[in-house]
Amino acid sequence: MNKKEILEQNKKMHRNGLDEREQKIYNVSFGLGAVVVGVLCLVFSIYRAIHYQAFYEFVAIITAYLCTTFFYQFKNLKSIPYLIAGIITGAAAFGCLILFFMV
């Protein structure tokens, strides 16, 4: 096998035909996107808190994201702290969702 055949075979085996470098860029882009969403939710929450308004929806977004992340990490790594963090953030997301609709 030459180098080109090996690369093509590797692409077929991996997600959406992405090579290792492309997969890393893909994963990092989602991480950066999550940071931007988190910062925006924090800014909007602070603004609403300063103006004595409820901001449950922003907390629900962040905690739901964290819950999903923790449960995925638990599923793949089988580490109990990720399970605990997933349960806690899931409960927080659910609580904020309920408060959002009640207020």
N, C-alpha and C. Protein backbone atom coordinates (compact mmCIF):
# COMPACT_ATOMS: atom_id res chain seq x y z
N MET A 1 0.84 -1.19 0.00
CA MET A 1 0.00 0.00 0.00
C MET A 1 0.88 1.25 0.00
N ASN A 2 0.48 2.19 -0.81
CA ASN A 2 1.21 3.45 -0.77
C ASN A 2 0.53 4.42 0.19
N LYS A 3 1.13 5.57 0.36
CA LYS A 3 0.65 6.55 1.33
C LYS A 3 -0.78 7.01 1.01
N LYS A 4 -1.06 7.22 -0.25
CA LYS A 4 -2.38 7.71 -0.65
C LYS A 4 -3.47 6.67 -0.33
N GLU A 5 -3.20 5.40 -0.58
CA GLU A 5 -4.17 4.35 -0.28
C GLU A 5 -4.42 4.24 1.22
N ILE A 6 -3.38 4.38 2.02
CA ILE A 6 -3.52 4.33 3.47
C ILE A 6 -4.38 5.49 3.97
N LEU A 7 -4.14 6.70 3.45
CA LEU A 7 -4.94 7.86 3.84
C LEU A 7 -6.40 7.69 3.45
N GLU A 8 -6.65 7.18 2.26
CA GLU A 8 -8.02 6.96 1.82
C GLU A 8 -8.74 5.93 2.69
N GLN A 9 -8.02 4.86 3.04
CA GLN A 9 -8.61 3.83 3.90
C GLN A 9 -8.91 4.41 5.28
N ASN A 10 -8.02 5.24 5.79
CA ASN A 10 -8.22 5.88 7.09
C ASN A 10 -9.44 6.79 7.06
N LYS A 11 -9.61 7.54 5.97
CA LYS A 11 -10.78 8.42 5.85
C LYS A 11 -12.08 7.63 5.84
N LYS A 12 -12.08 6.48 5.18
CA LYS A 12 -13.29 5.65 5.12
C LYS A 12 -13.66 5.12 6.50
N MET A 13 -12.66 4.86 7.33
CA MET A 13 -12.89 4.29 8.65
C MET A 13 -13.38 5.32 9.65
N HIS A 14 -13.07 6.58 9.42
CA HIS A 14 -13.40 7.62 10.41
C HIS A 14 -14.62 8.42 10.00
N ARG A 15 -15.12 9.16 10.94
CA ARG A 15 -16.34 9.94 10.83
C ARG A 15 -16.33 10.83 9.60
N ASN A 16 -17.35 10.68 8.78
CA ASN A 16 -17.60 11.54 7.63
C ASN A 16 -16.40 11.69 6.71
N GLY A 17 -15.52 10.74 6.69
CA GLY A 17 -14.36 10.81 5.81
C GLY A 17 -13.32 11.82 6.24
N LEU A 18 -13.34 12.23 7.51
CA LEU A 18 -12.37 13.20 7.99
C LEU A 18 -11.11 12.50 8.45
N ASP A 19 -9.97 13.07 8.11
CA ASP A 19 -8.73 12.51 8.64
C ASP A 19 -8.53 13.01 10.07
N GLU A 20 -7.47 12.57 10.71
CA GLU A 20 -7.25 12.89 12.13
C GLU A 20 -7.15 14.40 12.37
N ARG A 21 -6.46 15.11 11.51
CA ARG A 21 -6.32 16.57 11.64
C ARG A 21 -7.67 17.26 11.51
N GLU A 22 -8.46 16.85 10.51
CA GLU A 22 -9.78 17.45 10.30
C GLU A 22 -10.71 17.15 11.48
N GLN A 23 -10.61 15.94 12.05
CA GLN A 23 -11.41 15.59 13.22
C GLN A 23 -11.07 16.48 14.40
N LYS A 24 -9.79 16.74 14.61
CA LYS A 24 -9.36 17.60 15.72
C LYS A 24 -9.91 19.01 15.53
N ILE A 25 -9.81 19.53 14.33
CA ILE A 25 -10.34 20.87 14.05
C ILE A 25 -11.84 20.90 14.27
N TYR A 26 -12.53 19.88 13.83
CA TYR A 26 -13.97 19.75 14.00
C TYR A 26 -14.35 19.77 15.48
N ASN A 27 -13.64 18.99 16.28
CA ASN A 27 -13.92 18.91 17.72
C ASN A 27 -13.61 20.21 18.43
N VAL A 28 -12.48 20.84 18.10
CA VAL A 28 -12.10 22.10 18.73
C VAL A 28 -13.11 23.19 18.38
N SER A 29 -13.61 23.18 17.15
CA SER A 29 -14.58 24.21 16.75
C SER A 29 -15.85 24.13 17.60
N PHE A 30 -16.29 22.91 17.92
CA PHE A 30 -17.46 22.77 18.79
C PHE A 30 -17.16 23.26 20.20
N GLY A 31 -15.95 23.00 20.68
CA GLY A 31 -15.56 23.50 22.00
C GLY A 31 -15.55 25.01 22.05
N LEU A 32 -15.00 25.63 21.03
CA LEU A 32 -14.97 27.10 20.98
C LEU A 32 -16.38 27.67 20.87
N GLY A 33 -17.21 27.03 20.09
CA GLY A 33 -18.60 27.46 19.97
C GLY A 33 -19.32 27.40 21.30
N ALA A 34 -19.05 26.36 22.07
CA ALA A 34 -19.67 26.22 23.40
C ALA A 34 -19.20 27.32 24.33
N VAL A 35 -17.93 27.70 24.25
CA VAL A 35 -17.42 28.80 25.08
C VAL A 35 -18.12 30.10 24.73
N VAL A 36 -18.30 30.36 23.45
CA VAL A 36 -18.98 31.59 23.02
C VAL A 36 -20.42 31.60 23.52
N VAL A 37 -21.12 30.49 23.38
CA VAL A 37 -22.50 30.40 23.87
C VAL A 37 -22.53 30.62 25.38
N GLY A 38 -21.59 30.03 26.10
CA GLY A 38 -21.53 30.20 27.55
C GLY A 38 -21.30 31.64 27.95
N VAL A 39 -20.38 32.31 27.28
CA VAL A 39 -20.09 33.72 27.59
C VAL A 39 -21.30 34.59 27.29
N LEU A 40 -21.95 34.36 26.16
CA LEU A 40 -23.14 35.15 25.83
C LEU A 40 -24.26 34.92 26.84
N CYS A 41 -24.48 33.68 27.24
CA CYS A 41 -25.50 33.40 28.26
C CYS A 41 -25.16 34.09 29.57
N LEU A 42 -23.88 34.10 29.93
CA LEU A 42 -23.46 34.77 31.15
C LEU A 42 -23.70 36.28 31.06
N VAL A 43 -23.35 36.88 29.94
CA VAL A 43 -23.56 38.32 29.75
C VAL A 43 -25.05 38.65 29.82
N PHE A 44 -25.87 37.88 29.11
CA PHE A 44 -27.32 38.12 29.14
C PHE A 44 -27.90 37.90 30.54
N SER A 45 -27.41 36.92 31.26
CA SER A 45 -27.89 36.65 32.62
C SER A 45 -27.53 37.80 33.55
N ILE A 46 -26.31 38.28 33.45
CA ILE A 46 -25.89 39.41 34.29
C ILE A 46 -26.73 40.65 33.98
N TYR A 47 -26.95 40.90 32.70
CA TYR A 47 -27.77 42.06 32.31
C TYR A 47 -29.17 41.94 32.90
N ARG A 48 -29.76 40.76 32.76
CA ARG A 48 -31.11 40.57 33.30
C ARG A 48 -31.14 40.67 34.82
N ALA A 49 -30.13 40.14 35.48
CA ALA A 49 -30.07 40.21 36.95
C ALA A 49 -29.95 41.65 37.42
N ILE A 50 -29.14 42.44 36.74
CA ILE A 50 -28.98 43.86 37.09
C ILE A 50 -30.30 44.60 36.97
N HIS A 51 -31.10 44.20 35.99
CA HIS A 51 -32.40 44.85 35.77
C HIS A 51 -33.55 44.12 36.47
N TYR A 52 -33.20 43.27 37.45
CA TYR A 52 -34.19 42.55 38.27
C TYR A 52 -35.18 41.75 37.42
N GLN A 53 -34.66 41.07 36.41
CA GLN A 53 -35.48 40.20 35.56
C GLN A 53 -35.01 38.76 35.73
N ALA A 54 -35.91 37.84 35.48
CA ALA A 54 -35.55 36.42 35.56
C ALA A 54 -34.64 36.05 34.39
N PHE A 55 -33.71 35.15 34.65
CA PHE A 55 -32.78 34.73 33.61
C PHE A 55 -32.62 33.21 33.59
N TYR A 56 -33.68 32.50 33.92
CA TYR A 56 -33.63 31.04 34.01
C TYR A 56 -33.30 30.37 32.68
N GLU A 57 -33.78 30.96 31.58
CA GLU A 57 -33.57 30.32 30.28
C GLU A 57 -32.09 30.19 29.93
N PHE A 58 -31.30 31.19 30.33
CA PHE A 58 -29.87 31.15 30.01
C PHE A 58 -29.14 30.11 30.87
N VAL A 59 -29.54 30.00 32.11
CA VAL A 59 -28.95 28.99 32.99
C VAL A 59 -29.36 27.60 32.51
N ALA A 60 -30.60 27.45 32.05
CA ALA A 60 -31.06 26.16 31.53
C ALA A 60 -30.25 25.74 30.31
N ILE A 61 -29.93 26.68 29.44
CA ILE A 61 -29.13 26.37 28.24
C ILE A 61 -27.76 25.86 28.63
N ILE A 62 -27.09 26.55 29.52
CA ILE A 62 -25.74 26.17 29.92
C ILE A 62 -25.74 24.84 30.68
N THR A 63 -26.65 24.67 31.62
CA THR A 63 -26.65 23.44 32.40
C THR A 63 -27.06 22.24 31.55
N ALA A 64 -27.95 22.44 30.58
CA ALA A 64 -28.32 21.34 29.68
C ALA A 64 -27.13 20.95 28.82
N TYR A 65 -26.37 21.93 28.36
CA TYR A 65 -25.15 21.64 27.59
C TYR A 65 -24.16 20.85 28.44
N LEU A 66 -23.94 21.31 29.66
CA LEU A 66 -23.00 20.62 30.55
C LEU A 66 -23.48 19.21 30.88
N CYS A 67 -24.76 19.06 31.12
CA CYS A 67 -25.34 17.75 31.41
C CYS A 67 -25.07 16.78 30.27
N THR A 68 -25.32 17.21 29.06
CA THR A 68 -25.08 16.37 27.88
C THR A 68 -23.61 15.99 27.78
N THR A 69 -22.74 16.96 28.01
CA THR A 69 -21.30 16.72 27.93
C THR A 69 -20.86 15.71 28.99
N PHE A 70 -21.32 15.89 30.21
CA PHE A 70 -20.93 14.99 31.29
C PHE A 70 -21.44 13.57 31.06
N PHE A 71 -22.68 13.42 30.61
CA PHE A 71 -23.21 12.08 30.35
C PHE A 71 -22.47 11.41 29.20
N TYR A 72 -22.08 12.16 28.19
CA TYR A 72 -21.31 11.58 27.09
C TYR A 72 -19.94 11.12 27.58
N GLN A 73 -19.31 11.94 28.43
CA GLN A 73 -18.02 11.56 28.98
C GLN A 73 -18.15 10.32 29.86
N PHE A 74 -19.22 10.27 30.66
CA PHE A 74 -19.44 9.09 31.49
C PHE A 74 -19.63 7.84 30.63
N LYS A 75 -20.43 7.96 29.59
CA LYS A 75 -20.71 6.82 28.71
C LYS A 75 -19.41 6.25 28.13
N ASN A 76 -18.50 7.12 27.76
CA ASN A 76 -17.28 6.66 27.11
C ASN A 76 -16.13 6.36 28.07
N LEU A 77 -16.07 7.06 29.19
CA LEU A 77 -14.94 6.89 30.11
C LEU A 77 -15.28 6.07 31.35
N LYS A 78 -16.57 5.88 31.62
CA LYS A 78 -17.04 5.10 32.77
C LYS A 78 -16.48 5.62 34.10
N SER A 79 -16.41 6.92 34.23
CA SER A 79 -15.91 7.55 35.45
C SER A 79 -17.09 8.14 36.22
N ILE A 80 -17.24 7.71 37.47
CA ILE A 80 -18.39 8.09 38.30
C ILE A 80 -18.53 9.61 38.50
N PRO A 81 -17.44 10.38 38.67
CA PRO A 81 -17.62 11.83 38.81
C PRO A 81 -18.38 12.47 37.64
N TYR A 82 -18.20 11.94 36.42
CA TYR A 82 -18.95 12.47 35.28
C TYR A 82 -20.43 12.15 35.41
N LEU A 83 -20.76 10.99 35.94
CA LEU A 83 -22.15 10.62 36.16
C LEU A 83 -22.78 11.55 37.19
N ILE A 84 -22.09 11.78 38.27
CA ILE A 84 -22.60 12.66 39.32
C ILE A 84 -22.80 14.08 38.78
N ALA A 85 -21.80 14.58 38.06
CA ALA A 85 -21.90 15.92 37.48
C ALA A 85 -23.05 15.99 36.48
N GLY A 86 -23.25 14.94 35.71
CA GLY A 86 -24.35 14.91 34.75
C GLY A 86 -25.71 14.95 35.44
N ILE A 87 -25.84 14.21 36.52
CA ILE A 87 -27.10 14.20 37.27
C ILE A 87 -27.38 15.57 37.88
N ILE A 88 -26.36 16.17 38.48
CA ILE A 88 -26.53 17.48 39.12
C ILE A 88 -26.88 18.55 38.09
N THR A 89 -26.13 18.60 36.99
CA THR A 89 -26.41 19.62 35.98
C THR A 89 -27.74 19.34 35.27
N GLY A 90 -28.11 18.07 35.14
CA GLY A 90 -29.40 17.75 34.55
C GLY A 90 -30.55 18.22 35.44
N ALA A 91 -30.40 18.02 36.75
CA ALA A 91 -31.42 18.49 37.69
C ALA A 91 -31.51 20.02 37.66
N ALA A 92 -30.36 20.67 37.57
CA ALA A 92 -30.35 22.14 37.49
C ALA A 92 -31.03 22.63 36.21
N ALA A 93 -30.76 21.96 35.10
CA ALA A 93 -31.38 22.34 33.83
C ALA A 93 -32.90 22.15 33.90
N PHE A 94 -33.32 21.02 34.45
CA PHE A 94 -34.75 20.75 34.58
C PHE A 94 -35.41 21.76 35.50
N GLY A 95 -34.76 22.07 36.63
CA GLY A 95 -35.30 23.06 37.57
C GLY A 95 -35.44 24.43 36.93
N CYS A 96 -34.42 24.85 36.19
CA CYS A 96 -34.49 26.16 35.53
C CYS A 96 -35.55 26.18 34.44
N LEU A 97 -35.74 25.06 33.77
CA LEU A 97 -36.79 24.97 32.75
C LEU A 97 -38.17 25.13 33.40
N ILE A 98 -38.37 24.46 34.52
CA ILE A 98 -39.65 24.59 35.24
C ILE A 98 -39.85 26.03 35.71
N LEU A 99 -38.81 26.63 36.30
CA LEU A 99 -38.92 28.01 36.77
C LEU A 99 -39.19 28.97 35.61
N PHE A 100 -38.59 28.73 34.47
CA PHE A 100 -38.82 29.59 33.30
C PHE A 100 -40.30 29.63 32.93
N PHE A 101 -40.94 28.47 32.95
CA PHE A 101 -42.36 28.42 32.56
C PHE A 101 -43.29 28.88 33.69
N MET A 102 -42.82 28.85 34.92
CA MET A 102 -43.66 29.27 36.05
C MET A 102 -43.61 30.78 36.26
N VAL A 103 -42.50 31.40 35.95
CA VAL A 103 -42.33 32.84 36.25
C VAL A 103 -42.83 33.68 35.11
